[in-house]
């Protein structure tokens, strides 16, 4: 999640959120938070067609937070709102993980069903072939038994 989105959720200015992160930078290793590159920032800004008035956009690059970084923010931003928002965000991350896991499990089940169907198709083809052979054999004249 980006710093500006988290700042809105926590009810603080982006500037203040970044300030607290910089003051506690040792709590935010690379796998918790990173700063976007100039190219990434430009790409993000190009997604929005209109720019608001002067001073609305930071001259500093945005910070992006991972799930662990968002959790760490609650220890840096000490307020009741920060705790509530952090709990809600953590629940959202857990739900996303559940959805992704369920999707993978569903995909595996679908692959197993497809494999079974392929096997059944082959067995059905063999049964139909045997029936055709029996029908062809039934059409041929039968030999009389006896004298």
Protein backbone atom coordinates (compact mmCIF):
# COMPACT_ATOMS: atom_id res chain seq x y z
CA UNK A 1 0.00 0.00 0.00
CA UNK A 2 1.21 3.51 -0.72
CA UNK A 3 1.97 6.11 1.92
CA UNK A 4 -0.74 8.51 0.74
CA UNK A 5 -3.42 5.80 0.91
CA UNK A 6 -2.34 4.74 4.38
CA UNK A 7 -2.23 8.37 5.54
CA UNK A 8 -5.87 8.80 4.48
CA UNK A 9 -6.86 5.63 6.31
CA UNK A 10 -4.99 6.65 9.46
CA UNK A 11 -6.36 10.20 9.30
CA UNK A 12 -2.96 11.91 9.15
CA UNK A 13 -1.13 13.94 6.52
CA UNK A 14 1.16 11.97 4.22
CA UNK A 15 3.95 14.30 5.30
CA UNK A 16 3.48 13.28 8.96
CA UNK A 17 3.32 9.58 8.15
CA UNK A 18 6.59 9.80 6.20
CA UNK A 19 8.12 11.83 8.99
CA UNK A 20 7.31 9.13 11.56
CA UNK A 21 8.65 6.40 9.29
CA UNK A 22 11.93 8.29 8.76
CA UNK A 23 12.28 8.85 12.52
CA UNK A 24 11.84 5.11 13.05
CA UNK A 25 13.53 3.86 9.88
CA UNK A 26 15.18 0.92 11.68
CA UNK A 27 11.67 -0.56 12.10
CA UNK A 28 11.17 -0.63 8.32
CA UNK A 29 13.64 -2.94 6.53
CA UNK A 30 13.40 -3.49 2.75
CA UNK A 31 10.82 -6.25 3.07
CA UNK A 32 8.54 -3.93 5.12
CA UNK A 33 8.81 -0.69 3.13
CA UNK A 34 10.59 0.67 0.08
CA UNK A 35 10.69 3.95 -1.80
CA UNK A 36 9.40 3.90 -5.37
CA UNK A 37 11.84 4.71 -8.16
CA UNK A 38 11.41 7.82 -10.30
CA UNK A 39 10.08 5.65 -13.13
CA UNK A 40 7.58 3.87 -10.91
CA UNK A 41 6.41 7.18 -9.48
CA UNK A 42 5.96 8.63 -12.98
CA UNK A 43 4.02 5.56 -14.04
CA UNK A 44 1.73 5.88 -11.03
CA UNK A 45 1.10 9.58 -11.64
CA UNK A 46 0.33 8.95 -15.31
CA UNK A 47 -2.58 6.75 -14.18
CA UNK A 48 -4.44 9.86 -13.03
CA UNK A 49 -5.54 12.11 -15.87
CA UNK A 50 -6.02 15.30 -13.88
CA UNK A 51 -3.69 16.90 -11.41
CA UNK A 52 -5.08 18.98 -8.60
CA UNK A 53 -3.79 22.42 -7.65
CA UNK A 54 -0.23 23.45 -6.89
CA UNK A 55 1.28 21.75 -3.86
CA UNK A 56 -1.15 18.81 -3.95
CA UNK A 57 1.51 16.32 -5.03
CA UNK A 58 4.62 15.56 -3.04
CA UNK A 59 7.98 16.41 -4.53
CA UNK A 60 9.31 13.34 -2.72
CA UNK A 61 8.98 9.79 -3.98
CA UNK A 62 6.22 7.65 -2.51
CA UNK A 63 6.80 4.93 0.03
CA UNK A 64 5.23 1.53 -0.53
CA UNK A 65 4.47 -0.71 2.45
CA UNK A 66 4.15 -4.49 2.54
CA UNK A 67 1.81 -6.30 4.91
CA UNK A 68 4.51 -6.34 7.60
CA UNK A 69 5.22 -2.64 7.03
CA UNK A 70 1.57 -1.79 7.52
CA UNK A 71 1.60 -3.74 10.78
CA UNK A 72 4.71 -1.85 11.90
CA UNK A 73 3.02 1.49 11.19
CA UNK A 74 0.64 0.90 14.08
CA UNK A 75 3.60 0.97 16.46
CA UNK A 76 4.88 4.21 14.92
CA UNK A 77 1.53 5.99 14.62
CA UNK A 78 0.20 5.65 18.14
CA UNK A 79 -3.46 6.52 18.14
CA UNK A 80 -6.75 4.73 18.62
CA UNK A 81 -7.56 5.25 14.93
CA UNK A 82 -4.20 3.74 13.90
CA UNK A 83 -4.97 0.60 15.89
CA UNK A 84 -8.47 0.26 14.40
CA UNK A 85 -7.23 0.81 10.85
CA UNK A 86 -4.35 -1.60 11.35
CA UNK A 87 -6.70 -4.35 12.51
CA UNK A 88 -8.98 -3.78 9.50
CA UNK A 89 -6.03 -3.86 7.08
CA UNK A 90 -4.63 -7.04 8.62
CA UNK A 91 -8.04 -8.71 8.26
CA UNK A 92 -8.12 -7.65 4.61
CA UNK A 93 -4.67 -9.16 4.01
CA UNK A 94 -5.74 -12.43 5.68
CA UNK A 95 -8.90 -12.54 3.52
CA UNK A 96 -6.86 -11.91 0.35
CA UNK A 97 -4.51 -14.76 1.30
CA UNK A 98 -7.51 -17.07 1.89
CA UNK A 99 -8.96 -16.16 -1.50
CA UNK A 100 -5.64 -16.81 -3.24
CA UNK A 101 -5.25 -20.17 -1.48
CA UNK A 102 -8.81 -21.18 -2.35
CA UNK A 103 -8.17 -20.27 -5.98
CA UNK A 104 -5.07 -22.49 -6.09
CA UNK A 105 -6.93 -25.39 -4.47
CA UNK A 106 -9.79 -24.98 -6.96
CA UNK A 107 -7.31 -24.98 -9.84
CA UNK A 108 -5.73 -28.23 -8.60
CA UNK A 109 -9.14 -29.88 -8.26
CA UNK A 110 -10.06 -28.77 -11.77
CA UNK A 111 -6.85 -30.29 -13.14
CA UNK A 112 -7.63 -33.60 -11.40
CA UNK A 113 -11.15 -33.62 -12.85
CA UNK A 114 -9.80 -32.89 -16.35
CA UNK A 115 -7.35 -35.80 -16.02
CA UNK A 116 -10.17 -38.12 -14.91
CA UNK A 117 -12.34 -36.99 -17.82
CA UNK A 118 -9.54 -37.65 -20.28
CA UNK A 119 -9.18 -41.15 -18.83
CA UNK A 120 -12.95 -41.71 -18.99
CA UNK A 121 -13.07 -40.47 -22.60
CA UNK A 122 -10.53 -43.14 -23.56
CA UNK A 123 -12.49 -45.84 -21.74
CA UNK A 124 -15.75 -44.75 -23.41
CA UNK A 125 -14.04 -44.81 -26.82
CA UNK A 126 -12.93 -48.41 -26.18
CA UNK A 127 -16.49 -49.41 -25.14
CA UNK A 128 -17.95 -47.85 -28.32
CA UNK A 129 -15.33 -49.59 -30.45
CA UNK A 130 -16.25 -52.95 -28.87
CA UNK A 131 -19.98 -52.30 -29.48
CA UNK A 132 -19.28 -51.47 -33.15
CA UNK A 133 -17.31 -54.70 -33.54
CA UNK A 134 -20.18 -56.68 -32.02
CA UNK A 135 -22.67 -55.04 -34.39
CA UNK A 136 -20.50 -55.82 -37.42
CA UNK A 137 -20.12 -59.43 -36.29
CA UNK A 138 -23.90 -59.67 -35.82
CA UNK A 139 -24.55 -58.69 -39.47
CA UNK A 140 -22.54 -61.63 -40.92
CA UNK A 141 -24.39 -64.86 -41.78
CA UNK A 142 -24.28 -67.50 -39.06
CA UNK A 143 -23.11 -71.06 -39.63
CA UNK A 144 -25.69 -73.70 -39.08
CA UNK A 145 -24.97 -76.17 -36.36
CA UNK A 146 -25.60 -79.86 -37.04
CA UNK A 147 -26.25 -81.85 -40.25
